[in-house]
Amino acid sequence: MPAPVTIFTARRILTMDPARPEATHVAVRESRILAVGGEAEMADLGPATLDRRFADKVILPGFVEGHSHLHEGAAWRDPYLGFFERRDPEGKVWPGLKDIAAVVARLREVAAEKPEGSITAWGFDPIYFGGRRMKRADLDEVSQTRPVVVTHASGHIMNLNSVAMALAGFDRANDLDGLVRDEAGAPTGEILGPELMGRVRRVVVPDMFSRTLDAGALDRFAKLARQAGVTTATDLVSDMSEATVASYRAATEDADFPLRLVPALAARMFGQDEGIARLEELRPTSTEKLHFKLVKLVVDGSIQGFTARLRWPGYHNGAPNGLWYVAPSELGAIVGAWHRAGALLHIHTNGDEASEVAVEMLERALTAHPRPDHRHTLQHCQMPDPALFRRIKALGLCVNLFANHIFYWGEEHVAQTMGLARAQRMDACGTALRVGIPFGIHSDAPVTPLAPLFTAWCAVMRLTAKGRVLGEGERIEVAEALRAITLGAAYTLKLDHLVGSIEAGKLADFAVLDEDPLAIEPMRLKDVTISATVLGGRVFPVPPTA
């Protein structure tokens, strides 16, 4: 006997399939899409259960988050210190903190609630505070006996109190890149980059990331994903340890887990041969809900943290150029080795100098070892000019653009990092579309909230938090933005044969919306609510939020 068939009906189904862009019915059998269309296409499928629960809703392919970190689920163990309000996995909205005094007050509350052990928090971003930076003395007000560690929203910077600085061995005598100093040469308590932050995680708060991917963290991330309509998500920096992989497997083998995971092996956490061997070991063990294929390289830092590498004329406010997380002299060999090993490289490049160097090294690798349909992807890729985009196109590369930056940091990019002219071409979805580069758009959660419809809104409207249109010529249409958070993102992950559109044979993953995103004013796109997600034909309703 064939497996049972369920037919979902909807007011409108937006398929992302240009051959059949709309439908009203979709049939599902054995976790896959059997047929798409109207009543006529359903008539010859034999016995079927007609499921009308979405009859007044709009169905899209499940959203694909091509750049997120499962650490979002772990981060909510600790207090959120961001400038903008934010909803947690349980639906509670935490207010934004508008100055350093409010941040310190929040941390003192946390210290009182948790009388022992280290105090860790996340989401802090001082770029909004008129040039005022957090000092170790500020965090000493929280505790002078316990380590206090605050991670910035970008994930590339930390602030420490005096206890944490002493435990890490950071003092005036250190000659370390990334140790920020005051005019007298004394460390301020702010540290930059993965090397120094890694020392803090190892020495000061060794449990900070050891519980990152426990069952609770994955459950919290999955709740956020379901609220946002996400059915496939990346974990774009993974140590791929036995414990981490075991957590992935335990979650995805649970029928109640509503998400497909695509982790990326962090290349710099391994020796070259060791990392390649680890990927080769894991690739054959992939399943429909867990895909091992990505490798992540981080070339520079963050623009708003002034650690990204920029081409001339550099930072608008005269700040020194940022950090190379991988030296250009080393990058070519690393890229070449992974390329030859058949990996799908996702390379973090925020600044245009970093993007240019990455493109140069990818060009060398592809010239030496041609590989059709490689789909190497530049992540963030915020600052290329049209000429560099044309090189990206010629090499068959993809880009995943950080559209959310326009809203969250647009005004600061105008005033501090880029100036108006260059800020108008940041996260250039319009140029990528015109040049013909396959692209997605993303949240980089937990850097910004996991919310693909908001990300799509950012690409469509390009409004800053103060309501300025930043780069009219880089706006894209709603339909194009919806494609970027579905089939576009799936393409960059080389999963477009399975997810990203509603077509016969693909996995039955859907996002169910209360309104039609193509029938409302584009300004309202970010406010469309998600009613449910569907993964492999199984419905996961979204609980109402407070």
Protein backbone atom coordinates (compact mmCIF):
# COMPACT_ATOMS: atom_id res chain seq x y z
CA MET A 1 0.00 0.00 0.00
CA PRO A 2 1.34 3.47 -0.86
CA ALA A 3 1.89 5.87 2.01
CA PRO A 4 -1.02 8.20 2.81
CA VAL A 5 -1.31 11.52 1.01
CA THR A 6 -2.18 14.81 2.68
CA ILE A 7 -3.31 17.76 0.59
CA PHE A 8 -2.90 21.19 2.14
CA THR A 9 -5.06 23.99 0.77
CA ALA A 10 -4.30 27.69 1.09
CA ARG A 11 -5.62 31.03 -0.06
CA ARG A 12 -2.42 31.34 -2.07
CA ILE A 13 0.77 29.32 -2.36
CA LEU A 14 3.85 31.21 -3.54
CA THR A 15 6.07 28.45 -4.84
CA MET A 16 9.30 30.22 -6.00
CA ASP A 17 9.04 27.98 -9.06
CA PRO A 18 8.88 30.24 -12.15
CA ALA A 19 7.16 27.49 -14.13
CA ARG A 20 4.30 27.43 -11.62
CA PRO A 21 4.67 30.54 -9.40
CA GLU A 22 1.29 30.18 -7.66
CA ALA A 23 -1.01 27.41 -6.51
CA THR A 24 -3.80 26.69 -4.07
CA HIS A 25 -3.06 23.03 -3.23
CA VAL A 26 0.06 21.07 -2.33
CA ALA A 27 0.06 17.30 -1.81
CA VAL A 28 2.53 15.64 0.54
CA ARG A 29 3.54 11.98 0.82
CA GLU A 30 6.41 10.51 2.86
CA SER A 31 7.78 13.96 3.84
CA ARG A 32 8.02 15.12 0.20
CA ILE A 33 5.90 17.15 -2.16
CA LEU A 34 3.89 14.87 -4.42
CA ALA A 35 2.10 17.53 -6.48
CA VAL A 36 1.50 21.29 -6.62
CA GLY A 37 -1.36 23.11 -8.34
CA GLY A 38 -5.11 23.35 -8.03
CA GLU A 39 -7.94 20.85 -7.75
CA ALA A 40 -7.19 19.44 -11.22
CA GLU A 41 -3.64 18.45 -10.27
CA MET A 42 -4.92 16.75 -7.10
CA ALA A 43 -7.64 14.74 -8.83
CA ASP A 44 -5.53 11.79 -9.98
CA LEU A 45 -3.54 11.25 -6.78
CA GLY A 46 -5.88 8.64 -5.38
CA PRO A 47 -7.18 8.61 -1.80
CA ALA A 48 -5.98 11.63 0.17
CA THR A 49 -6.71 13.57 3.34
CA LEU A 50 -7.70 17.15 2.63
CA ASP A 51 -6.22 19.46 5.28
CA ARG A 52 -7.99 22.85 5.22
CA ARG A 53 -6.42 24.37 8.34
CA PHE A 54 -4.47 26.85 6.16
CA ALA A 55 -7.35 27.64 3.81
CA ASP A 56 -7.26 31.34 4.74
CA LYS A 57 -3.45 31.52 4.97
CA VAL A 58 -0.60 31.98 2.51
CA ILE A 59 2.04 29.27 2.15
CA LEU A 60 5.64 29.92 1.10
CA PRO A 61 8.65 27.61 1.06
CA GLY A 62 10.12 27.31 4.53
CA PHE A 63 12.60 30.13 5.03
CA VAL A 64 16.28 29.27 4.74
CA GLU A 65 18.65 31.15 7.05
CA GLY A 66 21.97 30.94 5.27
CA HIS A 67 24.01 32.67 7.95
CA SER A 68 23.09 32.04 11.57
CA HIS A 69 24.73 30.55 14.63
CA LEU A 70 23.07 28.10 16.96
CA HIS A 71 24.80 30.05 19.73
CA GLU A 72 21.67 32.23 19.52
CA GLY A 73 19.97 29.52 21.56
CA ALA A 74 22.76 29.40 24.12
CA ALA A 75 23.11 33.18 24.37
CA TRP A 76 19.71 33.48 26.01
CA ARG A 77 21.08 31.74 29.13
CA ASP A 78 22.71 35.12 29.79
CA PRO A 79 21.30 38.66 29.94
CA TYR A 80 20.81 40.61 26.73
CA LEU A 81 22.42 44.09 26.71
CA GLY A 82 21.57 45.33 23.23
CA PHE A 83 20.52 48.81 22.15
CA PHE A 84 17.31 47.58 20.44
CA GLU A 85 14.53 45.64 22.11
CA ARG A 86 14.55 41.91 21.39
CA ARG A 87 12.19 38.96 21.76
CA ASP A 88 13.52 35.86 23.51
CA PRO A 89 12.63 32.23 22.66
CA GLU A 90 9.70 32.27 25.08
CA GLY A 91 8.23 35.38 23.46
CA LYS A 92 9.25 37.90 26.14
CA VAL A 93 10.45 41.25 24.80
CA TRP A 94 13.55 42.66 26.51
CA PRO A 95 13.95 46.46 26.33
CA GLY A 96 16.96 48.05 24.67
CA LEU A 97 19.58 49.72 26.88
CA LYS A 98 20.34 53.25 25.71
CA ASP A 99 23.58 54.08 27.56
CA ILE A 100 26.41 52.46 29.47
CA ALA A 101 24.87 53.40 32.82
CA ALA A 102 21.81 51.31 31.92
CA VAL A 103 24.06 48.43 30.87
CA VAL A 104 25.95 48.53 34.19
CA ALA A 105 22.68 48.73 36.12
CA ARG A 106 21.37 45.64 34.32
CA LEU A 107 24.58 43.74 35.06
CA ARG A 108 24.39 44.68 38.74
CA GLU A 109 20.87 43.22 38.83
CA VAL A 110 22.23 40.04 37.29
CA ALA A 111 25.08 39.90 39.81
CA ALA A 112 22.57 40.17 42.65
CA GLU A 113 20.39 37.44 41.13
CA LYS A 114 23.42 35.17 40.61
CA PRO A 115 25.65 35.57 43.68
CA GLU A 116 28.41 33.16 42.61
CA GLY A 117 30.56 32.51 39.56
CA SER A 118 31.37 34.56 36.51
CA ILE A 119 28.96 37.11 35.04
CA THR A 120 28.58 36.90 31.27
CA ALA A 121 26.30 38.89 28.97
CA TRP A 122 25.87 39.58 25.26
CA GLY A 123 24.51 41.95 22.63
CA PHE A 124 26.32 45.12 23.83
CA ASP A 125 27.11 47.66 21.11
CA PRO A 126 28.74 50.98 22.09
CA ILE A 127 28.69 52.47 18.59
CA TYR A 128 25.37 54.12 19.47
CA PHE A 129 26.74 55.93 22.51
CA GLY A 130 28.40 58.95 20.93
CA GLY A 131 31.95 57.65 21.14
CA ARG A 132 31.78 56.52 24.77
CA ARG A 133 33.38 53.09 25.14
CA MET A 134 33.00 50.66 28.00
CA LYS A 135 35.97 50.73 30.42
CA ARG A 136 37.12 48.11 32.88
CA ALA A 137 36.16 50.55 35.66
CA ASP A 138 32.54 50.42 34.46
CA LEU A 139 32.47 46.65 34.86
CA ASP A 140 34.35 46.86 38.16
CA GLU A 141 31.19 48.56 39.44
CA VAL A 142 29.44 45.27 38.79
CA SER A 143 31.96 43.17 40.70
CA GLN A 144 35.51 43.53 41.98
CA THR A 145 35.76 39.88 43.01
CA ARG A 146 34.14 37.96 40.13
CA PRO A 147 35.00 38.00 36.42
CA VAL A 148 32.62 40.03 34.26
CA VAL A 149 32.71 39.37 30.50
CA VAL A 150 30.50 41.22 28.00
CA THR A 151 30.42 40.12 24.35
CA HIS A 152 29.53 42.73 21.74
CA ALA A 153 26.68 42.31 19.29
CA SER A 154 29.15 41.70 16.45
CA GLY A 155 30.71 38.75 18.26
CA HIS A 156 34.16 40.18 17.47
CA ILE A 157 34.79 42.27 20.61
CA MET A 158 34.59 41.75 24.38
CA ASN A 159 34.79 43.97 27.46
CA LEU A 160 36.28 42.65 30.70
CA ASN A 161 36.47 43.87 34.26
CA SER A 162 39.76 43.94 36.19
CA VAL A 163 39.29 40.43 37.61
CA ALA A 164 38.74 38.96 34.14
CA MET A 165 41.71 40.92 32.75
CA ALA A 166 43.98 39.55 35.47
CA LEU A 167 42.79 35.97 34.98
CA ALA A 168 43.44 36.27 31.23
CA GLY A 169 46.89 37.72 31.85
CA PHE A 170 46.13 40.98 29.99
CA ASP A 171 48.19 43.81 31.45
CA ARG A 172 50.27 46.80 30.44
CA ALA A 173 53.30 44.63 29.72
CA ASN A 174 51.50 42.58 27.05
CA ASP A 175 52.33 43.36 23.43
CA LEU A 176 49.21 41.83 21.93
CA ASP A 177 47.30 42.84 18.83
CA GLY A 178 43.72 43.52 19.80
CA LEU A 179 44.38 44.73 23.35
CA VAL A 180 42.84 48.23 23.36
CA ARG A 181 44.76 50.83 25.38
CA ASP A 182 44.08 54.34 26.65
CA GLU A 183 46.27 57.35 25.92
CA ALA A 184 48.58 56.39 28.78
CA GLY A 185 49.07 52.89 27.36
CA ALA A 186 46.98 51.07 29.96
CA PRO A 187 44.55 48.37 28.74
CA THR A 188 40.98 49.65 28.83
CA GLY A 189 39.35 46.25 29.24
CA GLU A 190 38.22 46.07 25.60
CA ILE A 191 39.69 43.27 23.48
CA LEU A 192 39.40 42.62 19.75
CA GLY A 193 39.51 39.51 17.63
CA PRO A 194 39.32 35.73 17.99
CA GLU A 195 42.77 35.13 19.50
CA LEU A 196 42.25 37.22 22.63
CA MET A 197 38.58 36.30 22.93
CA GLY A 198 39.54 32.64 22.65
CA ARG A 199 41.90 33.05 25.59
CA VAL A 200 39.06 34.50 27.68
CA ARG A 201 36.83 31.54 26.80
CA ARG A 202 39.56 29.06 27.66
CA VAL A 203 40.95 30.66 30.82
CA VAL A 204 38.46 33.09 32.36
CA VAL A 205 35.07 31.48 31.72
CA PRO A 206 35.81 28.00 30.37
CA ASP A 207 32.13 27.03 30.58
CA MET A 208 31.08 29.98 28.40
CA PHE A 209 30.79 27.89 25.25
CA SER A 210 31.06 24.36 26.59
CA ARG A 211 27.27 24.27 26.97
CA THR A 212 26.59 26.13 23.73
CA LEU A 213 24.95 23.25 21.93
CA ASP A 214 23.31 21.35 24.72
CA ALA A 215 19.70 20.25 24.27
CA GLY A 216 18.36 23.40 25.90
CA ALA A 217 20.26 25.68 23.54
CA LEU A 218 19.09 23.82 20.46
CA ASP A 219 15.50 23.85 21.72
CA ARG A 220 15.67 27.63 22.28
CA PHE A 221 17.08 28.20 18.79
CA ALA A 222 14.37 25.99 17.28
CA LYS A 223 11.68 28.03 19.05
CA LEU A 224 13.09 31.23 17.56
CA ALA A 225 13.27 29.59 14.13
CA ARG A 226 9.66 28.43 14.28
CA GLN A 227 8.49 31.92 15.30
CA ALA A 228 10.32 33.27 12.23
CA GLY A 229 9.16 30.68 9.67
CA VAL A 230 12.64 29.16 9.33
CA THR A 231 12.84 25.47 8.47
CA THR A 232 16.52 25.24 7.43
CA ALA A 233 19.28 27.05 9.32
CA THR A 234 23.05 27.12 9.31
CA ASP A 235 25.40 26.93 12.25
CA LEU A 236 28.08 28.86 10.45
CA VAL A 237 30.97 28.31 12.85
CA SER A 238 31.21 24.83 14.34
CA ASP A 239 34.06 23.05 16.07
CA MET A 240 32.60 19.75 14.79
CA SER A 241 33.74 18.06 17.99
CA GLU A 242 32.26 14.72 18.93
CA ALA A 243 30.09 16.42 21.56
CA THR A 244 28.84 19.07 19.13
CA VAL A 245 28.05 16.55 16.42
CA ALA A 246 26.28 14.38 18.97
CA SER A 247 24.09 17.37 19.87
CA TYR A 248 23.24 17.94 16.21
CA ARG A 249 22.34 14.29 15.78
CA ALA A 250 20.24 14.04 18.93
CA ALA A 251 18.23 17.10 17.94
CA THR A 252 17.67 16.24 14.29
CA GLU A 253 16.80 12.61 15.02
CA ASP A 254 13.96 13.84 17.24
CA ALA A 255 10.75 13.99 15.20
CA ASP A 256 9.63 16.94 17.33
CA PHE A 257 12.64 19.08 16.29
CA PRO A 258 11.23 21.43 13.61
CA LEU A 259 14.41 22.33 11.79
CA ARG A 260 17.04 21.15 9.32
CA LEU A 261 20.62 22.06 10.28
CA VAL A 262 23.60 22.89 8.08
CA PRO A 263 26.71 23.34 10.26
CA ALA A 264 29.96 24.73 8.88
CA LEU A 265 33.30 23.37 10.04
CA ALA A 266 35.44 26.23 11.37
CA ALA A 267 38.60 25.76 9.33
CA ARG A 268 40.91 27.60 11.72
CA MET A 269 39.98 25.34 14.64
CA PHE A 270 41.83 22.48 12.93
CA GLY A 271 45.12 21.80 11.32
CA GLN A 272 44.62 21.68 7.55
CA ASP A 273 44.88 17.92 7.11
CA GLU A 274 42.95 17.24 10.31
CA GLY A 275 40.09 19.51 9.25
CA ILE A 276 39.83 17.99 5.78
CA ALA A 277 39.83 14.50 7.28
CA ARG A 278 37.09 15.49 9.73
CA LEU A 279 34.88 16.82 6.95
CA GLU A 280 35.47 13.69 4.88
CA GLU A 281 34.49 11.59 7.89
CA LEU A 282 31.25 13.52 8.48
CA ARG A 283 29.98 14.09 4.95
CA PRO A 284 28.74 10.51 4.36
CA THR A 285 26.77 10.65 7.62
CA SER A 286 24.53 13.52 6.48
CA THR A 287 20.77 13.03 6.68
CA GLU A 288 17.73 14.92 5.37
CA LYS A 289 17.78 17.01 8.57
CA LEU A 290 21.54 17.34 9.04
CA HIS A 291 23.92 18.29 6.24
CA PHE A 292 27.74 18.27 6.56
CA LYS A 293 29.20 20.12 3.59
CA LEU A 294 30.23 23.66 4.58
CA VAL A 295 33.59 25.05 5.67
CA LYS A 296 33.82 28.51 7.24
CA LEU A 297 36.75 30.91 6.97
CA VAL A 298 36.77 34.31 8.68
CA VAL A 299 39.03 36.82 6.94
CA ASP A 300 38.33 40.05 8.83
CA GLY A 301 36.17 41.45 11.65
CA SER A 302 33.12 43.72 11.75
CA ILE A 303 32.65 47.16 10.22
CA GLN A 304 30.75 48.63 13.17
CA GLY A 305 33.44 47.27 15.49
CA PHE A 306 36.16 48.89 13.31
CA THR A 307 37.82 45.48 12.89
CA ALA A 308 36.86 44.94 9.23
CA ARG A 309 39.48 45.52 6.53
CA LEU A 310 38.57 48.41 4.21
CA ARG A 311 40.08 49.62 0.96
CA TRP A 312 41.06 53.25 0.48
CA PRO A 313 39.96 55.68 1.91
CA GLY A 314 39.45 53.50 5.00
CA TYR A 315 37.21 54.41 7.92
CA HIS A 316 35.28 57.64 7.56
CA ASN A 317 36.22 58.82 11.05
CA GLY A 318 39.92 58.09 10.56
CA ALA A 319 40.03 54.96 12.72
CA PRO A 320 42.90 52.60 11.84
CA ASN A 321 42.15 49.77 9.47
CA GLY A 322 40.81 46.57 10.99
CA LEU A 323 42.23 43.12 11.64
CA TRP A 324 43.21 40.29 9.35
CA TYR A 325 41.87 37.16 11.01
CA VAL A 326 43.71 35.22 8.33
CA ALA A 327 46.78 36.92 6.90
CA PRO A 328 46.57 37.45 3.12
CA SER A 329 49.89 35.64 2.79
CA GLU A 330 48.30 32.51 4.31
CA LEU A 331 44.83 32.72 2.82
CA GLY A 332 45.70 31.39 -0.63
CA ALA A 333 47.09 28.11 0.66
CA ILE A 334 44.13 27.60 2.98
CA VAL A 335 41.54 28.34 0.29
CA GLY A 336 43.38 26.17 -2.22
CA ALA A 337 43.57 23.16 0.09
CA TRP A 338 39.87 23.22 0.96
CA HIS A 339 38.88 23.86 -2.65
CA ARG A 340 40.88 20.84 -3.84
CA ALA A 341 39.25 18.76 -1.10
CA GLY A 342 35.82 19.51 -2.59
CA ALA A 343 34.57 21.64 0.31
CA LEU A 344 31.89 24.30 -0.08
CA LEU A 345 33.66 27.38 1.29
CA HIS A 346 31.71 30.12 3.04
CA ILE A 347 34.10 33.01 3.61
CA HIS A 348 33.36 35.88 5.99
CA THR A 349 34.42 39.17 4.40
CA ASN A 350 32.87 42.34 5.81
CA GLY A 351 35.18 45.01 4.39
CA ASP A 352 35.90 45.45 0.69
CA GLU A 353 39.64 44.88 1.14
CA ALA A 354 38.87 41.49 2.71
CA SER A 355 36.40 40.68 -0.09
CA GLU A 356 38.94 41.61 -2.75
CA VAL A 357 41.67 39.45 -1.21
CA ALA A 358 39.27 36.51 -0.85
CA VAL A 359 38.19 36.84 -4.48
CA GLU A 360 41.84 36.92 -5.58
CA MET A 361 42.62 33.72 -3.65
CA LEU A 362 39.50 31.97 -4.94
CA GLU A 363 40.44 32.95 -8.49
CA ARG A 364 43.88 31.38 -8.03
CA ALA A 365 42.35 28.20 -6.63
CA LEU A 366 39.82 27.94 -9.46
CA THR A 367 42.45 28.61 -12.10
CA ALA A 368 44.73 25.91 -10.73
CA HIS A 369 41.93 23.41 -10.08
CA PRO A 370 38.74 24.17 -12.06
CA ARG A 371 35.63 22.88 -10.33
CA PRO A 372 32.21 23.31 -11.91
CA ASP A 373 29.31 24.39 -9.72
CA HIS A 374 31.48 24.95 -6.64
CA ARG A 375 29.18 27.64 -5.16
CA HIS A 376 31.82 29.13 -2.87
CA THR A 377 30.07 31.98 -1.08
CA LEU A 378 31.22 35.31 0.35
CA GLN A 379 29.36 35.92 3.59
CA HIS A 380 28.36 39.47 4.58
CA CYS A 381 30.31 40.88 1.61
CA GLN A 382 29.07 44.34 2.53
CA MET A 383 31.23 46.71 0.50
CA PRO A 384 32.17 45.47 -3.02
CA ASP A 385 31.85 48.02 -5.79
CA PRO A 386 30.30 46.97 -9.14
CA ALA A 387 33.69 46.01 -10.59
CA LEU A 388 34.35 43.57 -7.75
CA PHE A 389 30.83 42.18 -8.08
CA ARG A 390 31.55 41.51 -11.75
CA ARG A 391 34.66 39.52 -10.76
CA ILE A 392 32.55 37.58 -8.28
CA LYS A 393 30.07 36.78 -11.06
CA ALA A 394 32.81 35.74 -13.50
CA LEU A 395 34.18 33.22 -10.98
CA GLY A 396 30.79 31.64 -10.32
CA LEU A 397 30.77 32.74 -6.68
CA CYS A 398 27.69 33.41 -4.59
CA VAL A 399 27.17 36.14 -2.00
CA ASN A 400 25.06 36.24 1.15
CA LEU A 401 24.45 39.89 1.96
CA PHE A 402 23.87 41.30 5.44
CA ALA A 403 20.79 43.39 4.62
CA ASN A 404 19.94 43.93 8.30
CA HIS A 405 22.94 46.25 8.64
CA ILE A 406 21.07 49.02 6.86
CA PHE A 407 18.51 49.24 9.67
CA TYR A 408 20.65 48.47 12.71
CA TRP A 409 23.86 50.33 11.83
CA GLY A 410 23.01 52.46 8.79
CA GLU A 411 23.15 55.79 10.60
CA GLU A 412 26.40 54.86 12.30
CA HIS A 413 27.89 53.81 8.96
CA VAL A 414 27.02 57.24 7.56
CA ALA A 415 28.43 59.12 10.54
CA GLN A 416 31.41 56.98 11.52
CA THR A 417 32.49 54.05 9.35
CA MET A 418 31.69 54.86 5.70
CA GLY A 419 30.28 58.32 5.12
CA LEU A 420 27.11 58.79 3.12
CA ALA A 421 28.38 57.98 -0.38
CA ARG A 422 29.87 54.58 0.46
CA ALA A 423 27.14 53.69 2.98
CA GLN A 424 24.57 53.97 0.18
CA ARG A 425 26.14 51.00 -1.61
CA MET A 426 26.46 48.72 1.41
CA ASP A 427 24.81 45.30 1.19
CA ALA A 428 24.10 45.91 -2.47
CA CYS A 429 21.27 43.51 -3.30
CA GLY A 430 20.30 45.64 -6.29
CA THR A 431 23.77 45.41 -7.80
CA ALA A 432 24.02 41.67 -7.14
CA LEU A 433 20.67 41.21 -8.89
CA ARG A 434 21.66 43.36 -11.88
CA VAL A 435 25.02 41.63 -12.28
CA GLY A 436 23.35 38.21 -12.02
CA ILE A 437 25.07 36.84 -8.92
CA PRO A 438 23.20 34.15 -6.97
CA PHE A 439 22.54 35.65 -3.56
CA GLY A 440 20.82 35.25 -0.24
CA ILE A 441 20.29 37.68 2.63
CA HIS A 442 20.71 36.89 6.29
CA SER A 443 20.51 37.85 9.97
CA ASP A 444 23.80 36.45 11.34
CA ALA A 445 21.79 35.59 14.47
CA PRO A 446 22.54 36.27 17.28
CA VAL A 447 24.19 39.43 15.85
CA THR A 448 20.71 40.51 14.74
CA PRO A 449 17.44 38.66 15.39
CA LEU A 450 16.51 35.58 13.39
CA ALA A 451 13.65 36.99 11.30
CA PRO A 452 13.79 36.46 7.51
CA LEU A 453 10.74 38.62 6.78
CA PHE A 454 12.45 41.49 8.58
CA THR A 455 15.62 40.80 6.61
CA ALA A 456 13.59 40.85 3.40
CA TRP A 457 12.01 44.14 4.52
CA CYS A 458 15.48 45.60 5.02
CA ALA A 459 16.48 44.66 1.47
CA VAL A 460 13.26 46.10 0.06
CA MET A 461 13.00 49.34 2.04
CA ARG A 462 16.65 50.06 2.99
CA LEU A 463 15.50 52.20 5.90
CA THR A 464 17.78 53.03 8.81
CA ALA A 465 16.47 53.01 12.37
CA LYS A 466 15.88 56.77 11.97
CA GLY A 467 13.87 56.31 8.78
CA ARG A 468 16.47 57.39 6.22
CA VAL A 469 16.45 55.61 2.84
CA LEU A 470 20.05 54.52 2.45
CA GLY A 471 20.79 53.61 -1.14
CA GLU A 472 17.63 53.89 -3.22
CA GLY A 473 19.34 52.18 -6.16
CA GLU A 474 20.07 49.07 -4.12
CA ARG A 475 16.46 48.38 -3.20
CA ILE A 476 14.90 45.19 -4.56
CA GLU A 477 11.27 44.17 -5.04
CA VAL A 478 9.36 42.12 -2.47
CA ALA A 479 9.25 39.08 -4.76
CA GLU A 480 13.03 39.22 -5.18
CA ALA A 481 13.57 39.53 -1.44
CA LEU A 482 11.30 36.54 -0.78
CA ARG A 483 13.33 34.52 -3.25
CA ALA A 484 16.53 35.55 -1.43
CA ILE A 485 15.26 34.09 1.88
CA THR A 486 14.10 30.86 0.24
CA LEU A 487 15.56 29.55 -3.01
CA GLY A 488 18.41 32.07 -3.08
CA ALA A 489 19.73 31.04 0.32
CA ALA A 490 19.16 27.35 -0.48
CA TYR A 491 21.25 27.74 -3.64
CA THR A 492 24.24 29.10 -1.67
CA LEU A 493 24.06 25.98 0.54
CA LYS A 494 23.78 23.66 -2.46
CA LEU A 495 20.45 22.45 -1.10
CA ASP A 496 18.17 23.93 -3.75
CA HIS A 497 17.39 20.40 -4.99
CA LEU A 498 15.74 19.72 -1.60
CA VAL A 499 14.44 23.00 -0.16
CA GLY A 500 13.78 26.62 -1.08
CA SER A 501 10.80 26.17 -3.41
CA ILE A 502 7.54 24.25 -3.49
CA GLU A 503 8.04 21.74 -6.31
CA ALA A 504 7.19 18.08 -6.74
CA GLY A 505 9.94 15.87 -5.34
CA LYS A 506 11.30 18.39 -2.87
CA LEU A 507 10.97 18.17 0.90
CA ALA A 508 7.62 19.43 2.18
CA ASP A 509 8.92 22.41 4.15
CA PHE A 510 6.65 25.45 4.36
CA ALA A 511 6.23 28.75 6.14
CA VAL A 512 2.56 29.59 6.75
CA LEU A 513 1.78 33.31 6.83
CA ASP A 514 -1.33 35.13 8.03
CA GLU A 515 -1.11 37.65 5.17
CA ASP A 516 0.00 37.67 1.56
CA PRO A 517 3.39 39.44 1.38
CA LEU A 518 2.82 40.31 -2.29
CA ALA A 519 -0.57 41.91 -1.64
CA ILE A 520 0.32 44.31 1.19
CA GLU A 521 2.29 47.54 1.30
CA PRO A 522 6.01 46.68 1.29
CA MET A 523 6.44 48.73 4.46
CA ARG A 524 4.36 46.11 6.31
CA LEU A 525 6.42 43.12 5.18
CA LYS A 526 8.31 42.85 8.47
CA ASP A 527 5.03 42.76 10.43
CA VAL A 528 3.48 39.74 8.71
CA THR A 529 2.96 37.05 11.35
CA ILE A 530 3.90 33.40 11.02
CA SER A 531 1.07 30.99 11.81
CA ALA A 532 3.04 27.74 11.51
CA THR A 533 5.94 25.98 9.91
CA VAL A 534 5.73 22.62 8.18
CA LEU A 535 8.74 20.32 8.09
CA GLY A 536 8.54 17.23 5.93
CA GLY A 537 4.76 17.54 5.94
CA ARG A 538 4.50 17.74 9.74
CA VAL A 539 2.82 20.90 11.04
CA PHE A 540 4.43 22.91 13.86
CA PRO A 541 2.04 25.67 14.98
CA VAL A 542 3.61 28.88 16.26
CA PRO A 543 2.48 29.55 19.85
CA PRO A 544 0.95 32.98 20.43
CA THR A 545 3.38 35.49 21.92
CA ALA A 546 2.74 37.75 24.85
